[in-house]
């Protein structure tokens, strides 16, 4: 039996889904300390299919008093921030031929 144990990532790399597919059991290990300035809460978006136009995109997360918090205890600040996330994704990938399928 193949077991995958991993921590969460904001927009995981494409090979991540191959690993999940290859595994018999998938476990999200989120009972560990949240790491700041890491792939847990940020990633790069590519604009206009131009690899040179990459921009960092960070989730607006609750930080105050959460320095030693576990991954499972971290949350996005507000509903309006969730709307902002969708709008940024649409700006980056809205012209993609698969955008309608996933939105």
N, C-alpha and C. Protein backbone atom coordinates (compact mmCIF):
# COMPACT_ATOMS: atom_id res chain seq x y z
N UNK A 1 0.84 -1.18 0.00
CA UNK A 1 0.00 0.00 0.00
C UNK A 1 0.89 1.25 0.00
N UNK A 2 0.55 2.21 -0.85
CA UNK A 2 1.30 3.47 -0.94
C UNK A 2 0.48 4.57 -0.27
N UNK A 3 1.11 5.25 0.69
CA UNK A 3 0.43 6.31 1.44
C UNK A 3 1.16 7.62 1.20
N UNK A 4 0.42 8.65 0.84
CA UNK A 4 0.97 9.98 0.66
C UNK A 4 0.55 10.83 1.86
N UNK A 5 1.54 11.36 2.59
CA UNK A 5 1.27 12.27 3.70
C UNK A 5 1.96 13.57 3.34
N UNK A 6 1.18 14.65 3.28
CA UNK A 6 1.74 15.93 2.85
C UNK A 6 1.04 17.09 3.55
N UNK A 7 1.69 18.22 3.54
CA UNK A 7 1.08 19.43 4.06
C UNK A 7 0.40 20.15 2.89
N UNK A 8 -0.54 21.00 3.22
CA UNK A 8 -1.28 21.72 2.19
C UNK A 8 -0.40 22.75 1.50
N UNK A 9 -0.76 23.05 0.26
CA UNK A 9 -0.09 24.10 -0.53
C UNK A 9 -1.15 24.90 -1.25
N UNK A 10 -0.89 26.18 -1.43
CA UNK A 10 -1.78 27.04 -2.20
C UNK A 10 -1.43 26.85 -3.67
N UNK A 11 -2.33 26.26 -4.43
CA UNK A 11 -2.11 25.87 -5.82
C UNK A 11 -0.91 24.94 -5.95
N UNK A 12 -1.06 23.69 -5.58
CA UNK A 12 0.07 22.75 -5.68
C UNK A 12 0.53 22.55 -7.11
N UNK A 13 1.76 22.15 -7.27
CA UNK A 13 2.35 21.89 -8.59
C UNK A 13 1.63 20.72 -9.25
N UNK A 14 1.65 20.67 -10.56
CA UNK A 14 0.86 19.71 -11.33
C UNK A 14 1.24 18.26 -11.02
N UNK A 15 2.50 17.99 -10.74
CA UNK A 15 2.92 16.63 -10.41
C UNK A 15 2.32 16.12 -9.11
N UNK A 16 1.87 17.03 -8.28
CA UNK A 16 1.23 16.66 -7.02
C UNK A 16 0.02 15.77 -7.26
N UNK A 17 -0.74 16.07 -8.30
CA UNK A 17 -1.94 15.29 -8.60
C UNK A 17 -1.57 13.90 -9.13
N UNK A 18 -0.44 13.78 -9.80
CA UNK A 18 0.05 12.47 -10.22
C UNK A 18 0.40 11.61 -9.00
N UNK A 19 1.02 12.24 -8.01
CA UNK A 19 1.37 11.52 -6.79
C UNK A 19 0.11 11.05 -6.06
N UNK A 20 -0.90 11.90 -5.99
CA UNK A 20 -2.17 11.50 -5.37
C UNK A 20 -2.76 10.30 -6.12
N UNK A 21 -2.76 10.38 -7.44
CA UNK A 21 -3.30 9.31 -8.26
C UNK A 21 -2.53 7.99 -8.06
N UNK A 22 -1.25 8.09 -7.83
CA UNK A 22 -0.39 6.92 -7.65
C UNK A 22 -0.55 6.30 -6.27
N UNK A 23 -1.07 7.06 -5.30
CA UNK A 23 -1.18 6.61 -3.92
C UNK A 23 -2.50 5.89 -3.67
N UNK A 24 -2.46 5.00 -2.70
CA UNK A 24 -3.67 4.31 -2.28
C UNK A 24 -4.40 5.10 -1.19
N UNK A 25 -3.65 5.89 -0.45
CA UNK A 25 -4.23 6.67 0.65
C UNK A 25 -3.56 8.04 0.67
N UNK A 26 -4.35 9.08 0.83
CA UNK A 26 -3.85 10.46 0.81
C UNK A 26 -4.22 11.13 2.13
N UNK A 27 -3.21 11.64 2.85
CA UNK A 27 -3.42 12.26 4.15
C UNK A 27 -2.88 13.68 4.11
N UNK A 28 -3.71 14.65 4.49
CA UNK A 28 -3.24 16.03 4.62
C UNK A 28 -2.80 16.23 6.06
N UNK A 29 -1.53 16.48 6.23
CA UNK A 29 -0.93 16.65 7.55
C UNK A 29 -0.96 18.13 7.92
N UNK A 30 -2.00 18.55 8.61
CA UNK A 30 -2.17 19.97 8.92
C UNK A 30 -2.12 20.25 10.42
N UNK A 31 -1.63 19.30 11.19
CA UNK A 31 -1.52 19.50 12.63
C UNK A 31 -0.08 19.86 13.01
N UNK A 32 0.56 20.64 12.13
CA UNK A 32 1.91 21.14 12.36
C UNK A 32 1.90 22.65 12.20
N UNK A 33 2.94 23.31 12.67
CA UNK A 33 2.99 24.77 12.64
C UNK A 33 2.95 25.31 11.22
N UNK A 34 2.11 26.31 11.03
CA UNK A 34 2.00 27.01 9.75
C UNK A 34 3.30 27.75 9.50
N UNK A 35 3.85 27.62 8.30
CA UNK A 35 5.09 28.32 7.95
C UNK A 35 4.75 29.56 7.14
N UNK A 36 5.33 30.66 7.50
CA UNK A 36 5.07 31.93 6.83
C UNK A 36 5.97 32.07 5.59
N UNK A 37 5.51 32.88 4.64
CA UNK A 37 6.27 33.14 3.41
C UNK A 37 6.69 31.83 2.75
N UNK A 38 5.72 30.96 2.60
CA UNK A 38 5.96 29.63 2.09
C UNK A 38 4.85 29.28 1.12
N UNK A 39 4.93 28.12 0.50
CA UNK A 39 3.93 27.68 -0.47
C UNK A 39 2.59 27.39 0.18
N UNK A 40 2.51 27.40 1.51
CA UNK A 40 1.23 27.19 2.19
C UNK A 40 0.23 28.28 1.86
N UNK A 41 0.72 29.50 1.72
CA UNK A 41 -0.21 30.62 1.55
C UNK A 41 0.11 31.52 0.36
N UNK A 42 1.05 31.13 -0.47
CA UNK A 42 1.35 31.97 -1.63
C UNK A 42 1.89 31.12 -2.77
N UNK A 43 1.78 31.69 -3.96
CA UNK A 43 2.29 31.05 -5.16
C UNK A 43 2.44 32.13 -6.23
N UNK A 44 2.95 31.76 -7.37
CA UNK A 44 3.10 32.72 -8.46
C UNK A 44 2.03 32.47 -9.51
N UNK A 45 1.47 33.56 -10.02
CA UNK A 45 0.52 33.49 -11.13
C UNK A 45 1.23 33.99 -12.38
N UNK A 46 0.91 33.39 -13.51
CA UNK A 46 1.48 33.81 -14.79
C UNK A 46 0.40 34.57 -15.53
N UNK A 47 0.69 35.79 -15.94
CA UNK A 47 -0.27 36.62 -16.64
C UNK A 47 -0.02 36.61 -18.14
N UNK A 48 -1.09 36.54 -18.91
CA UNK A 48 -1.04 36.61 -20.37
C UNK A 48 -0.17 35.53 -21.00
N UNK A 49 -0.14 34.34 -20.41
CA UNK A 49 0.66 33.22 -20.92
C UNK A 49 2.13 33.60 -21.12
N UNK A 50 2.59 34.58 -20.37
CA UNK A 50 3.97 35.05 -20.50
C UNK A 50 4.71 34.70 -19.22
N UNK A 51 5.60 33.72 -19.29
CA UNK A 51 6.33 33.25 -18.12
C UNK A 51 7.10 34.37 -17.44
N UNK A 52 7.43 35.42 -18.19
CA UNK A 52 8.17 36.55 -17.63
C UNK A 52 7.27 37.50 -16.84
N UNK A 53 5.97 37.30 -16.89
CA UNK A 53 5.05 38.17 -16.16
C UNK A 53 4.49 37.47 -14.93
N UNK A 54 5.34 36.76 -14.22
CA UNK A 54 4.92 36.09 -13.00
C UNK A 54 4.80 37.11 -11.87
N UNK A 55 3.76 36.92 -11.05
CA UNK A 55 3.58 37.78 -9.88
C UNK A 55 3.24 36.91 -8.69
N UNK A 56 3.80 37.27 -7.55
CA UNK A 56 3.45 36.56 -6.33
C UNK A 56 2.00 36.85 -5.97
N UNK A 57 1.32 35.84 -5.53
CA UNK A 57 -0.07 35.95 -5.11
C UNK A 57 -0.19 35.30 -3.74
N UNK A 58 -0.52 36.09 -2.74
CA UNK A 58 -0.60 35.58 -1.37
C UNK A 58 -2.03 35.60 -0.87
N UNK A 59 -2.38 34.58 -0.11
CA UNK A 59 -3.69 34.55 0.53
C UNK A 59 -3.70 35.54 1.69
N UNK A 60 -4.75 36.32 1.82
CA UNK A 60 -4.85 37.23 2.97
C UNK A 60 -5.31 36.42 4.19
N UNK A 61 -4.36 36.02 5.01
CA UNK A 61 -4.67 35.17 6.15
C UNK A 61 -4.59 35.92 7.47
N UNK A 62 -5.28 35.38 8.46
CA UNK A 62 -5.25 35.95 9.80
C UNK A 62 -3.85 35.71 10.37
N UNK A 63 -3.16 36.77 10.76
CA UNK A 63 -1.80 36.63 11.24
C UNK A 63 -1.65 37.00 12.72
N UNK A 64 -2.37 38.01 13.15
CA UNK A 64 -2.22 38.52 14.51
C UNK A 64 -2.52 37.43 15.54
N UNK A 65 -1.57 37.17 16.41
CA UNK A 65 -1.74 36.18 17.45
C UNK A 65 -1.68 34.75 16.95
N UNK A 66 -1.26 34.55 15.70
CA UNK A 66 -1.26 33.21 15.11
C UNK A 66 0.15 32.72 14.77
N UNK A 67 1.17 33.30 15.37
CA UNK A 67 2.54 32.97 14.97
C UNK A 67 2.87 31.49 15.13
N UNK A 68 2.40 30.86 16.18
CA UNK A 68 2.70 29.45 16.42
C UNK A 68 1.53 28.54 16.07
N UNK A 69 0.55 29.06 15.36
CA UNK A 69 -0.66 28.28 15.04
C UNK A 69 -0.36 27.15 14.07
N UNK A 70 -1.16 26.12 14.17
CA UNK A 70 -1.08 25.01 13.21
C UNK A 70 -1.74 25.40 11.90
N UNK A 71 -1.40 24.69 10.84
CA UNK A 71 -1.98 24.94 9.52
C UNK A 71 -3.51 24.90 9.60
N UNK A 72 -4.04 23.91 10.31
CA UNK A 72 -5.48 23.73 10.41
C UNK A 72 -6.21 24.91 11.07
N UNK A 73 -5.48 25.75 11.81
CA UNK A 73 -6.09 26.87 12.53
C UNK A 73 -6.01 28.20 11.79
N UNK A 74 -5.36 28.23 10.66
CA UNK A 74 -5.21 29.46 9.88
C UNK A 74 -6.43 29.63 8.97
N UNK A 75 -6.92 30.88 8.86
CA UNK A 75 -8.08 31.13 8.00
C UNK A 75 -7.88 32.40 7.17
N UNK A 76 -8.62 32.46 6.07
CA UNK A 76 -8.63 33.66 5.24
C UNK A 76 -9.36 34.75 6.01
N UNK A 77 -8.89 35.98 5.92
CA UNK A 77 -9.36 37.07 6.75
C UNK A 77 -10.85 37.34 6.62
N UNK A 78 -11.37 37.52 5.40
CA UNK A 78 -12.79 37.89 5.26
C UNK A 78 -13.38 37.42 3.94
N UNK A 79 -14.69 37.49 3.84
CA UNK A 79 -15.39 37.10 2.61
C UNK A 79 -14.99 37.99 1.44
N UNK A 80 -14.81 39.29 1.68
CA UNK A 80 -14.41 40.18 0.59
C UNK A 80 -13.03 39.81 0.05
N UNK A 81 -12.17 39.28 0.92
CA UNK A 81 -10.86 38.82 0.45
C UNK A 81 -11.00 37.59 -0.44
N UNK A 82 -11.97 36.74 -0.15
CA UNK A 82 -12.21 35.57 -1.00
C UNK A 82 -12.66 36.02 -2.39
N UNK A 83 -13.47 37.05 -2.46
CA UNK A 83 -13.91 37.59 -3.75
C UNK A 83 -12.71 38.18 -4.49
N UNK A 84 -11.83 38.86 -3.76
CA UNK A 84 -10.62 39.44 -4.36
C UNK A 84 -9.74 38.33 -4.97
N UNK A 85 -9.66 37.19 -4.30
CA UNK A 85 -8.87 36.07 -4.80
C UNK A 85 -9.43 35.59 -6.13
N UNK A 86 -10.74 35.41 -6.20
CA UNK A 86 -11.37 34.96 -7.45
C UNK A 86 -11.14 35.98 -8.55
N UNK A 87 -11.25 37.27 -8.24
CA UNK A 87 -11.05 38.31 -9.25
C UNK A 87 -9.61 38.31 -9.78
N UNK A 88 -8.63 38.09 -8.90
CA UNK A 88 -7.24 38.03 -9.36
C UNK A 88 -7.01 36.81 -10.25
N UNK A 89 -7.61 35.70 -9.88
CA UNK A 89 -7.48 34.50 -10.71
C UNK A 89 -8.13 34.71 -12.07
N UNK A 90 -9.28 35.38 -12.07
CA UNK A 90 -9.95 35.65 -13.34
C UNK A 90 -9.11 36.58 -14.21
N UNK A 91 -8.47 37.57 -13.60
CA UNK A 91 -7.61 38.49 -14.35
C UNK A 91 -6.43 37.74 -14.97
N UNK A 92 -5.90 36.76 -14.24
CA UNK A 92 -4.75 36.01 -14.74
C UNK A 92 -5.14 34.94 -15.74
N UNK A 93 -6.26 34.26 -15.50
CA UNK A 93 -6.58 33.07 -16.29
C UNK A 93 -7.96 33.10 -16.94
N UNK A 94 -8.65 34.21 -16.88
CA UNK A 94 -10.01 34.31 -17.43
C UNK A 94 -10.10 34.05 -18.92
N UNK A 95 -9.04 34.30 -19.66
CA UNK A 95 -9.05 34.07 -21.10
C UNK A 95 -8.66 32.64 -21.48
N UNK A 96 -8.31 31.84 -20.50
CA UNK A 96 -7.96 30.45 -20.73
C UNK A 96 -9.17 29.69 -21.22
N UNK A 97 -8.97 28.76 -22.13
CA UNK A 97 -10.10 28.04 -22.73
C UNK A 97 -10.85 27.18 -21.71
N UNK A 98 -10.26 26.86 -20.57
CA UNK A 98 -10.94 26.03 -19.58
C UNK A 98 -11.53 26.83 -18.43
N UNK A 99 -11.40 28.15 -18.47
CA UNK A 99 -11.89 28.97 -17.36
C UNK A 99 -13.37 28.74 -17.07
N UNK A 100 -14.20 28.68 -18.10
CA UNK A 100 -15.64 28.49 -17.89
C UNK A 100 -15.95 27.16 -17.21
N UNK A 101 -15.15 26.15 -17.49
CA UNK A 101 -15.38 24.83 -16.88
C UNK A 101 -15.12 24.84 -15.39
N UNK A 102 -14.15 25.63 -14.94
CA UNK A 102 -13.78 25.59 -13.53
C UNK A 102 -14.38 26.71 -12.70
N UNK A 103 -14.98 27.70 -13.35
CA UNK A 103 -15.52 28.81 -12.58
C UNK A 103 -17.01 28.65 -12.33
